[in-house]
């Protein structure tokens, strides 16, 4: 798919078919994560791939507002910021900020790659970080940034109106 078309075709999917994702489609998503740009190419993020339905259900229950569709996904990717990977290269600001940025870039690439493979996904940022970390036995120091449930879409969302470019882009200064 052409990149411009992919960007327009990508939507948040909140309903999934009960259908398994083929390994080659999953591999394309995982490779997109691996190729994500990152600060100093240190890839200061970790990703947990969850396929076990019971674990996915537990992760869905960590959402701060009910989001039962998470449990319908074939799999969930959970992206963690890993500041430890940057400690010898950056100052306090970089150590605090860059792992979050690296993880969000990787999430974006996974989100777009899923759409390119005909899959649906939705970015979940509203969840109890502590509970999710515990469910996944995350090491101390890692922070869960977002969950990305992925599956075959069971809905066709309508494109939502976006802010005008003039409202978003400021020439030279505000």
N, C-alpha and C. Protein backbone atom coordinates (compact mmCIF):
# COMPACT_ATOMS: atom_id res chain seq x y z
N UNK A 1 0.85 -1.17 0.00
CA UNK A 1 0.00 0.00 0.00
C UNK A 1 0.90 1.24 0.00
N UNK A 2 0.51 2.25 -0.75
CA UNK A 2 1.24 3.52 -0.73
C UNK A 2 1.16 4.12 0.67
N UNK A 3 2.22 4.78 1.11
CA UNK A 3 2.29 5.28 2.47
C UNK A 3 1.15 6.25 2.79
N UNK A 4 0.87 7.18 1.87
CA UNK A 4 -0.23 8.13 2.12
C UNK A 4 -1.56 7.41 2.28
N UNK A 5 -1.77 6.39 1.48
CA UNK A 5 -3.01 5.62 1.58
C UNK A 5 -3.06 4.84 2.90
N UNK A 6 -1.92 4.31 3.30
CA UNK A 6 -1.84 3.57 4.56
C UNK A 6 -2.20 4.47 5.74
N UNK A 7 -1.66 5.68 5.75
CA UNK A 7 -1.95 6.61 6.85
C UNK A 7 -3.44 6.91 6.91
N UNK A 8 -4.06 7.08 5.76
CA UNK A 8 -5.50 7.37 5.74
C UNK A 8 -6.34 6.14 6.05
N UNK A 9 -5.84 4.96 5.72
CA UNK A 9 -6.59 3.72 5.93
C UNK A 9 -6.52 3.24 7.38
N UNK A 10 -5.49 3.63 8.10
CA UNK A 10 -5.31 3.19 9.47
C UNK A 10 -6.36 3.83 10.38
N UNK A 11 -7.00 3.01 11.17
CA UNK A 11 -7.99 3.48 12.14
C UNK A 11 -7.83 2.68 13.43
N UNK A 12 -8.33 3.24 14.51
CA UNK A 12 -8.38 2.49 15.77
C UNK A 12 -9.50 1.47 15.65
N UNK A 13 -9.16 0.21 15.80
CA UNK A 13 -10.14 -0.88 15.70
C UNK A 13 -10.46 -1.38 17.10
N UNK A 14 -11.76 -1.39 17.40
CA UNK A 14 -12.21 -1.81 18.74
C UNK A 14 -13.15 -3.01 18.69
N UNK A 15 -13.09 -3.75 17.62
CA UNK A 15 -13.85 -5.00 17.49
C UNK A 15 -13.03 -5.93 16.61
N UNK A 16 -12.83 -7.14 17.10
CA UNK A 16 -11.97 -8.08 16.39
C UNK A 16 -12.69 -9.38 16.10
N UNK A 17 -12.35 -9.97 14.95
CA UNK A 17 -12.87 -11.29 14.58
C UNK A 17 -12.13 -12.36 15.41
N UNK A 18 -12.78 -13.48 15.57
CA UNK A 18 -12.15 -14.62 16.24
C UNK A 18 -11.38 -15.39 15.17
N UNK A 19 -10.22 -14.86 14.83
CA UNK A 19 -9.42 -15.41 13.72
C UNK A 19 -7.94 -15.20 14.05
N UNK A 20 -7.17 -16.25 13.89
CA UNK A 20 -5.75 -16.20 14.22
C UNK A 20 -4.94 -15.46 13.15
N UNK A 21 -3.98 -14.69 13.61
CA UNK A 21 -3.10 -13.95 12.71
C UNK A 21 -2.01 -14.90 12.21
N UNK A 22 -1.84 -15.00 10.89
CA UNK A 22 -0.77 -15.86 10.36
C UNK A 22 0.61 -15.34 10.78
N UNK A 23 1.53 -16.26 10.93
CA UNK A 23 2.88 -15.94 11.39
C UNK A 23 3.57 -14.89 10.51
N UNK A 24 3.38 -14.95 9.19
CA UNK A 24 4.08 -13.99 8.31
C UNK A 24 3.56 -12.57 8.51
N UNK A 25 2.28 -12.40 8.81
CA UNK A 25 1.74 -11.06 9.09
C UNK A 25 2.28 -10.55 10.42
N UNK A 26 2.31 -11.40 11.42
CA UNK A 26 2.87 -11.02 12.72
C UNK A 26 4.34 -10.65 12.56
N UNK A 27 5.08 -11.43 11.80
CA UNK A 27 6.50 -11.17 11.59
C UNK A 27 6.71 -9.79 10.96
N UNK A 28 5.85 -9.40 10.03
CA UNK A 28 5.96 -8.07 9.40
C UNK A 28 5.78 -6.96 10.44
N UNK A 29 4.86 -7.16 11.36
CA UNK A 29 4.64 -6.17 12.43
C UNK A 29 5.86 -6.12 13.35
N UNK A 30 6.37 -7.28 13.74
CA UNK A 30 7.52 -7.32 14.64
C UNK A 30 8.77 -6.71 14.00
N UNK A 31 8.95 -6.95 12.72
CA UNK A 31 10.10 -6.35 12.02
C UNK A 31 9.96 -4.83 11.93
N UNK A 32 8.74 -4.34 11.79
CA UNK A 32 8.52 -2.88 11.78
C UNK A 32 8.93 -2.29 13.12
N UNK A 33 8.65 -3.00 14.20
CA UNK A 33 9.07 -2.55 15.54
C UNK A 33 10.59 -2.49 15.61
N UNK A 34 11.23 -3.54 15.15
CA UNK A 34 12.69 -3.62 15.21
C UNK A 34 13.34 -2.49 14.41
N UNK A 35 12.73 -2.06 13.33
CA UNK A 35 13.30 -1.03 12.46
C UNK A 35 12.95 0.39 12.88
N UNK A 36 12.20 0.54 13.97
CA UNK A 36 11.80 1.88 14.42
C UNK A 36 13.02 2.72 14.78
N UNK A 37 13.02 3.99 14.38
CA UNK A 37 14.12 4.86 14.79
C UNK A 37 14.10 5.05 16.30
N UNK A 38 15.28 5.28 16.87
CA UNK A 38 15.36 5.49 18.32
C UNK A 38 16.58 6.34 18.64
N UNK A 39 16.58 6.92 19.83
CA UNK A 39 17.69 7.77 20.25
C UNK A 39 18.99 6.97 20.23
N UNK A 40 19.93 7.47 19.47
CA UNK A 40 21.27 6.86 19.34
C UNK A 40 21.18 5.39 18.91
N UNK A 41 20.07 5.01 18.31
CA UNK A 41 19.79 3.64 17.87
C UNK A 41 19.95 2.62 19.00
N UNK A 42 19.63 3.05 20.22
CA UNK A 42 19.77 2.16 21.37
C UNK A 42 18.50 1.37 21.66
N UNK A 43 17.43 1.67 20.95
CA UNK A 43 16.17 0.95 21.09
C UNK A 43 15.84 0.74 22.58
N UNK A 44 15.62 1.84 23.26
CA UNK A 44 15.39 1.80 24.71
C UNK A 44 13.94 1.44 25.05
N UNK A 45 13.51 0.34 24.47
CA UNK A 45 12.17 -0.18 24.75
C UNK A 45 12.21 -1.69 24.69
N UNK A 46 11.22 -2.29 25.29
CA UNK A 46 11.04 -3.74 25.27
C UNK A 46 9.59 -3.98 24.88
N UNK A 47 9.32 -5.11 24.26
CA UNK A 47 7.95 -5.45 23.85
C UNK A 47 7.62 -6.86 24.32
N UNK A 48 6.48 -6.99 24.95
CA UNK A 48 6.01 -8.32 25.35
C UNK A 48 4.86 -8.68 24.42
N UNK A 49 4.99 -9.83 23.77
CA UNK A 49 3.96 -10.36 22.88
C UNK A 49 3.12 -11.35 23.70
N UNK A 50 1.84 -11.06 23.81
CA UNK A 50 0.96 -11.92 24.60
C UNK A 50 -0.09 -12.55 23.68
N UNK A 51 -0.13 -13.88 23.69
CA UNK A 51 -1.11 -14.64 22.91
C UNK A 51 -2.07 -15.43 23.79
N UNK A 52 -1.67 -15.72 25.02
CA UNK A 52 -2.52 -16.51 25.91
C UNK A 52 -3.75 -15.70 26.27
N UNK A 53 -4.91 -16.27 25.97
CA UNK A 53 -6.18 -15.58 26.17
C UNK A 53 -6.40 -15.16 27.62
N UNK A 54 -5.99 -16.00 28.56
CA UNK A 54 -6.19 -15.66 29.97
C UNK A 54 -5.36 -14.43 30.36
N UNK A 55 -4.15 -14.34 29.84
CA UNK A 55 -3.30 -13.18 30.13
C UNK A 55 -3.86 -11.94 29.44
N UNK A 56 -4.34 -12.08 28.22
CA UNK A 56 -4.95 -10.94 27.52
C UNK A 56 -6.15 -10.44 28.30
N UNK A 57 -6.96 -11.35 28.81
CA UNK A 57 -8.12 -10.96 29.60
C UNK A 57 -7.69 -10.18 30.85
N UNK A 58 -6.65 -10.64 31.52
CA UNK A 58 -6.15 -9.93 32.70
C UNK A 58 -5.65 -8.54 32.33
N UNK A 59 -4.96 -8.43 31.19
CA UNK A 59 -4.48 -7.13 30.74
C UNK A 59 -5.66 -6.20 30.44
N UNK A 60 -6.71 -6.74 29.83
CA UNK A 60 -7.90 -5.94 29.54
C UNK A 60 -8.50 -5.38 30.82
N UNK A 61 -8.42 -6.15 31.88
CA UNK A 61 -8.97 -5.72 33.17
C UNK A 61 -8.14 -4.61 33.83
N UNK A 62 -6.94 -4.34 33.32
CA UNK A 62 -6.13 -3.24 33.88
C UNK A 62 -6.54 -1.90 33.29
N UNK A 63 -7.36 -1.89 32.24
CA UNK A 63 -7.80 -0.64 31.62
C UNK A 63 -8.53 0.22 32.66
N UNK A 64 -8.27 1.52 32.63
CA UNK A 64 -8.85 2.41 33.62
C UNK A 64 -10.33 2.66 33.39
N UNK A 65 -10.80 2.40 32.19
CA UNK A 65 -12.24 2.39 31.92
C UNK A 65 -12.50 1.12 31.14
N UNK A 66 -13.69 0.55 31.24
CA UNK A 66 -13.95 -0.73 30.57
C UNK A 66 -13.65 -0.69 29.07
N UNK A 67 -12.81 -1.61 28.65
CA UNK A 67 -12.46 -1.75 27.24
C UNK A 67 -12.41 -3.25 26.91
N UNK A 68 -13.58 -3.90 26.96
CA UNK A 68 -13.62 -5.36 26.81
C UNK A 68 -13.12 -5.87 25.46
N UNK A 69 -13.11 -5.02 24.46
CA UNK A 69 -12.64 -5.43 23.13
C UNK A 69 -11.18 -5.87 23.16
N UNK A 70 -10.40 -5.41 24.15
CA UNK A 70 -9.00 -5.82 24.25
C UNK A 70 -8.92 -7.35 24.30
N UNK A 71 -9.82 -7.94 25.07
CA UNK A 71 -9.82 -9.40 25.24
C UNK A 71 -10.22 -10.14 23.97
N UNK A 72 -10.81 -9.45 23.01
CA UNK A 72 -11.20 -10.07 21.73
C UNK A 72 -10.04 -10.20 20.76
N UNK A 73 -8.97 -9.45 20.98
CA UNK A 73 -7.83 -9.43 20.06
C UNK A 73 -7.14 -10.79 20.04
N UNK A 74 -6.56 -11.12 18.89
CA UNK A 74 -5.80 -12.36 18.78
C UNK A 74 -4.54 -12.31 19.62
N UNK A 75 -3.94 -11.12 19.69
CA UNK A 75 -2.74 -10.94 20.49
C UNK A 75 -2.65 -9.50 20.95
N UNK A 76 -1.81 -9.28 21.94
CA UNK A 76 -1.56 -7.93 22.44
C UNK A 76 -0.05 -7.73 22.56
N UNK A 77 0.41 -6.59 22.06
CA UNK A 77 1.80 -6.19 22.25
C UNK A 77 1.81 -5.12 23.33
N UNK A 78 2.68 -5.28 24.32
CA UNK A 78 2.82 -4.28 25.37
C UNK A 78 4.23 -3.71 25.26
N UNK A 79 4.29 -2.40 25.11
CA UNK A 79 5.55 -1.70 24.91
C UNK A 79 6.00 -1.07 26.22
N UNK A 80 7.23 -1.34 26.58
CA UNK A 80 7.82 -0.82 27.81
C UNK A 80 8.97 0.13 27.48
N UNK A 81 9.07 1.22 28.22
CA UNK A 81 10.24 2.09 28.14
C UNK A 81 11.32 1.46 29.02
N UNK A 82 12.55 1.45 28.51
CA UNK A 82 13.67 0.87 29.24
C UNK A 82 14.80 1.91 29.34
N UNK A 83 14.72 2.79 30.36
CA UNK A 83 15.73 3.84 30.50
C UNK A 83 17.14 3.33 30.76
N UNK A 84 17.26 2.13 31.28
CA UNK A 84 18.57 1.55 31.58
C UNK A 84 19.47 1.50 30.34
N UNK A 85 18.87 1.36 29.17
CA UNK A 85 19.65 1.26 27.94
C UNK A 85 20.33 2.58 27.57
N UNK A 86 19.93 3.68 28.24
CA UNK A 86 20.46 5.00 27.86
C UNK A 86 21.35 5.65 28.90
N UNK A 87 21.47 5.07 30.08
CA UNK A 87 22.10 5.76 31.21
C UNK A 87 23.53 6.24 30.94
N UNK A 88 24.30 5.55 30.15
CA UNK A 88 25.68 6.00 29.94
C UNK A 88 25.80 7.01 28.78
N UNK A 89 24.69 7.29 28.11
CA UNK A 89 24.76 8.17 26.94
C UNK A 89 24.08 9.52 27.11
N UNK A 90 23.10 9.62 28.02
CA UNK A 90 22.30 10.83 28.09
C UNK A 90 22.18 11.37 29.50
N UNK A 91 21.80 12.64 29.57
CA UNK A 91 21.56 13.28 30.86
C UNK A 91 20.17 12.91 31.39
N UNK A 92 19.81 13.52 32.50
CA UNK A 92 18.55 13.21 33.19
C UNK A 92 17.34 13.34 32.26
N UNK A 93 17.29 14.44 31.49
CA UNK A 93 16.16 14.64 30.58
C UNK A 93 16.07 13.52 29.55
N UNK A 94 17.19 13.17 28.94
CA UNK A 94 17.22 12.12 27.94
C UNK A 94 16.82 10.76 28.51
N UNK A 95 17.31 10.46 29.69
CA UNK A 95 17.01 9.17 30.32
C UNK A 95 15.52 9.06 30.64
N UNK A 96 14.92 10.18 31.01
CA UNK A 96 13.49 10.18 31.35
C UNK A 96 12.60 10.20 30.11
N UNK A 97 12.99 10.97 29.09
CA UNK A 97 12.13 11.20 27.93
C UNK A 97 12.36 10.23 26.77
N UNK A 98 13.59 9.96 26.40
CA UNK A 98 13.87 9.21 25.18
C UNK A 98 13.31 7.78 25.17
N UNK A 99 13.33 7.05 26.28
CA UNK A 99 12.72 5.71 26.23
C UNK A 99 11.22 5.75 25.93
N UNK A 100 10.54 6.78 26.42
CA UNK A 100 9.11 6.93 26.12
C UNK A 100 8.93 7.25 24.64
N UNK A 101 9.76 8.14 24.13
CA UNK A 101 9.69 8.47 22.71
C UNK A 101 10.02 7.25 21.84
N UNK A 102 11.07 6.54 22.21
CA UNK A 102 11.45 5.35 21.44
C UNK A 102 10.31 4.33 21.41
N UNK A 103 9.69 4.11 22.57
CA UNK A 103 8.58 3.15 22.63
C UNK A 103 7.39 3.62 21.79
N UNK A 104 7.09 4.92 21.84
CA UNK A 104 5.93 5.39 21.08
C UNK A 104 6.18 5.36 19.58
N UNK A 105 7.41 5.58 19.16
CA UNK A 105 7.72 5.44 17.74
C UNK A 105 7.54 3.98 17.32
N UNK A 106 8.02 3.06 18.14
CA UNK A 106 7.88 1.63 17.84
C UNK A 106 6.40 1.23 17.79
N UNK A 107 5.60 1.76 18.70
CA UNK A 107 4.17 1.48 18.70
C UNK A 107 3.53 1.98 17.41
N UNK A 108 3.90 3.18 17.01
CA UNK A 108 3.35 3.76 15.78
C UNK A 108 3.70 2.88 14.58
N UNK A 109 4.94 2.44 14.52
CA UNK A 109 5.34 1.58 13.39
C UNK A 109 4.55 0.27 13.41
N UNK A 110 4.34 -0.30 14.59
CA UNK A 110 3.57 -1.54 14.70
C UNK A 110 2.12 -1.31 14.26
N UNK A 111 1.56 -0.19 14.69
CA UNK A 111 0.18 0.17 14.36
C UNK A 111 0.01 0.28 12.83
N UNK A 112 0.95 0.97 12.19
CA UNK A 112 0.90 1.13 10.73
C UNK A 112 1.18 -0.19 10.02
N UNK A 113 2.13 -0.97 10.51
CA UNK A 113 2.43 -2.26 9.89
C UNK A 113 1.24 -3.19 9.97
N UNK A 114 0.55 -3.18 11.10
CA UNK A 114 -0.65 -4.02 11.24
C UNK A 114 -1.68 -3.63 10.19
N UNK A 115 -1.92 -2.33 10.03
CA UNK A 115 -2.88 -1.87 9.02
C UNK A 115 -2.43 -2.29 7.62
N UNK A 116 -1.15 -2.20 7.35
CA UNK A 116 -0.61 -2.60 6.05
C UNK A 116 -0.83 -4.08 5.77
N UNK A 117 -0.89 -4.88 6.83
CA UNK A 117 -1.10 -6.33 6.70
C UNK A 117 -2.58 -6.70 6.71
N UNK A 118 -3.47 -5.69 6.71
CA UNK A 118 -4.91 -5.97 6.73
C UNK A 118 -5.43 -6.29 8.11
N UNK A 119 -4.64 -5.96 9.13
CA UNK A 119 -5.03 -6.20 10.52
C UNK A 119 -5.50 -4.91 11.16
N UNK A 120 -6.21 -5.05 12.26
CA UNK A 120 -6.65 -3.89 13.01
C UNK A 120 -5.94 -3.83 14.34
N UNK A 121 -5.78 -2.64 14.86
CA UNK A 121 -5.17 -2.46 16.18
C UNK A 121 -5.68 -1.16 16.77
N UNK A 122 -5.47 -1.03 18.06
CA UNK A 122 -5.86 0.20 18.75
C UNK A 122 -4.85 0.46 19.85
N UNK A 123 -4.45 1.70 19.96
CA UNK A 123 -3.47 2.13 20.95
C UNK A 123 -4.19 2.29 22.27
N UNK A 124 -3.75 1.56 23.29
CA UNK A 124 -4.34 1.65 24.64
C UNK A 124 -3.29 2.24 25.57
N UNK A 125 -3.55 3.45 26.05
CA UNK A 125 -2.62 4.09 26.97
C UNK A 125 -3.20 4.27 28.36
N UNK A 126 -4.49 4.03 28.48
CA UNK A 126 -5.18 4.24 29.76
C UNK A 126 -5.34 2.90 30.48
N UNK A 127 -4.34 2.57 31.29
CA UNK A 127 -4.36 1.32 32.05
C UNK A 127 -3.50 1.47 33.29
N UNK A 128 -3.68 0.58 34.22
CA UNK A 128 -2.92 0.60 35.46
C UNK A 128 -1.54 0.00 35.18
N UNK A 129 -0.53 0.85 35.15
CA UNK A 129 0.82 0.42 34.82
C UNK A 129 1.35 -0.64 35.78
N UNK A 130 1.08 -0.43 37.07
CA UNK A 130 1.59 -1.35 38.09
C UNK A 130 0.99 -2.75 37.91
N UNK A 131 -0.32 -2.81 37.69
CA UNK A 131 -0.98 -4.11 37.51
C UNK A 131 -0.48 -4.80 36.25
N UNK A 132 -0.37 -4.05 35.15
CA UNK A 132 0.11 -4.64 33.90
C UNK A 132 1.53 -5.17 34.06
N UNK A 133 2.38 -4.40 34.73
CA UNK A 133 3.76 -4.84 34.97
C UNK A 133 3.80 -6.13 35.77
N UNK A 134 2.94 -6.21 36.78
CA UNK A 134 2.90 -7.40 37.63
C UNK A 134 2.43 -8.62 36.83
N UNK A 135 1.39 -8.45 36.03
CA UNK A 135 0.87 -9.55 35.21
C UNK A 135 1.95 -10.11 34.30
N UNK A 136 2.79 -9.22 33.78
CA UNK A 136 3.82 -9.62 32.81
C UNK A 136 5.18 -9.87 33.46
N UNK A 137 5.24 -9.82 34.79
CA UNK A 137 6.50 -10.03 35.52
C UNK A 137 7.62 -9.13 35.00
N UNK A 138 7.28 -7.86 34.77
CA UNK A 138 8.25 -6.91 34.23
C UNK A 138 9.34 -6.61 35.26
N UNK A 139 10.57 -6.56 34.81
CA UNK A 139 11.66 -6.21 35.73
C UNK A 139 11.50 -4.78 36.25
N UNK A 140 12.02 -4.53 37.43
CA UNK A 140 12.01 -3.19 38.00
C UNK A 140 12.73 -2.23 37.05
N UNK A 141 12.20 -1.03 36.92
CA UNK A 141 12.82 -0.02 36.07
C UNK A 141 12.19 0.10 34.70
N UNK A 142 11.42 -0.90 34.29
CA UNK A 142 10.72 -0.81 33.01
C UNK A 142 9.34 -0.22 33.25
N UNK A 143 8.90 0.65 32.35
CA UNK A 143 7.59 1.28 32.48
C UNK A 143 6.72 0.94 31.28
N UNK A 144 5.55 0.34 31.50
CA UNK A 144 4.67 0.05 30.37
C UNK A 144 4.08 1.35 29.84
N UNK A 145 4.22 1.56 28.54
CA UNK A 145 3.78 2.80 27.90
C UNK A 145 2.42 2.63 27.23
N UNK A 146 2.24 1.52 26.54
CA UNK A 146 0.98 1.29 25.84
C UNK A 146 0.81 -0.17 25.50
N UNK A 147 -0.46 -0.54 25.30
CA UNK A 147 -0.80 -1.87 24.81
C UNK A 147 -1.35 -1.69 23.40
N UNK A 148 -1.08 -2.65 22.55
CA UNK A 148 -1.58 -2.63 21.19
C UNK A 148 -2.26 -3.97 20.89
N UNK A 149 -3.57 -4.06 21.15
CA UNK A 149 -4.30 -5.27 20.75
C UNK A 149 -4.34 -5.33 19.22
N UNK A 150 -4.12 -6.52 18.67
CA UNK A 150 -4.10 -6.68 17.21
C UNK A 150 -4.94 -7.89 16.83
N UNK A 151 -5.68 -7.74 15.75
CA UNK A 151 -6.48 -8.84 15.23
C UNK A 151 -7.10 -8.44 13.91
N UNK A 152 -7.88 -9.33 13.36
CA UNK A 152 -8.62 -9.00 12.15
C UNK A 152 -9.81 -8.13 12.54
N UNK A 153 -10.01 -7.01 11.86
CA UNK A 153 -11.11 -6.11 12.21
C UNK A 153 -12.48 -6.76 12.04
N UNK A 154 -13.36 -6.46 12.99
CA UNK A 154 -14.76 -6.89 12.89
C UNK A 154 -15.64 -5.65 12.77
N UNK A 155 -15.05 -4.57 12.30
CA UNK A 155 -15.78 -3.32 12.09
C UNK A 155 -15.07 -2.52 11.01
N UNK A 156 -15.79 -1.58 10.42
CA UNK A 156 -15.21 -0.65 9.46
C UNK A 156 -15.47 0.76 9.96
N UNK A 157 -14.53 1.30 10.73
CA UNK A 157 -14.75 2.63 11.28
C UNK A 157 -14.78 3.70 10.19
N UNK A 158 -15.53 4.73 10.45
CA UNK A 158 -15.62 5.87 9.54
C UNK A 158 -14.52 6.86 9.93
N UNK A 159 -13.88 7.44 8.92
CA UNK A 159 -12.83 8.41 9.20
C UNK A 159 -13.41 9.61 9.94
N UNK A 160 -12.70 10.03 10.97
CA UNK A 160 -13.14 11.17 11.76
C UNK A 160 -12.52 12.45 11.21
N UNK A 161 -13.21 13.54 11.41
CA UNK A 161 -12.71 14.83 10.96
C UNK A 161 -11.45 15.18 11.74
N UNK A 162 -10.50 15.75 11.07
CA UNK A 162 -9.23 16.14 11.68
C UNK A 162 -9.14 17.66 11.75
N UNK A 163 -8.30 18.14 12.64
CA UNK A 163 -8.04 19.58 12.70
C UNK A 163 -7.43 20.03 11.38
N UNK A 164 -7.72 21.26 11.00
CA UNK A 164 -7.15 21.84 9.78
C UNK A 164 -5.64 22.00 9.98
N UNK A 165 -4.89 21.86 8.90
CA UNK A 165 -3.43 22.03 8.97
C UNK A 165 -3.06 23.39 9.55
N UNK A 166 -3.79 24.44 9.16
CA UNK A 166 -3.50 25.80 9.66
C UNK A 166 -3.63 25.88 11.18
N UNK A 167 -4.46 25.01 11.74
CA UNK A 167 -4.68 25.00 13.18
C UNK A 167 -3.57 24.23 13.91
N UNK A 168 -2.90 23.35 13.20
CA UNK A 168 -1.86 22.51 13.80
C UNK A 168 -0.47 23.07 13.55
N UNK A 169 -0.21 23.49 12.32
CA UNK A 169 1.11 23.91 11.90
C UNK A 169 1.26 25.42 12.07
N UNK A 170 2.30 25.82 12.77
CA UNK A 170 2.58 27.24 13.02
C UNK A 170 3.87 27.61 12.30
N UNK A 171 3.83 28.60 11.48
CA UNK A 171 4.98 29.02 10.68
C UNK A 171 5.92 29.87 11.51
N UNK A 172 7.11 29.40 11.70
CA UNK A 172 8.21 30.09 12.38
C UNK A 172 8.01 30.24 13.88
N UNK A 173 6.83 30.65 14.34
CA UNK A 173 6.53 30.72 15.77
C UNK A 173 5.03 30.74 15.95
N UNK A 174 4.59 30.66 17.20
CA UNK A 174 3.14 30.62 17.47
C UNK A 174 2.47 31.92 17.13
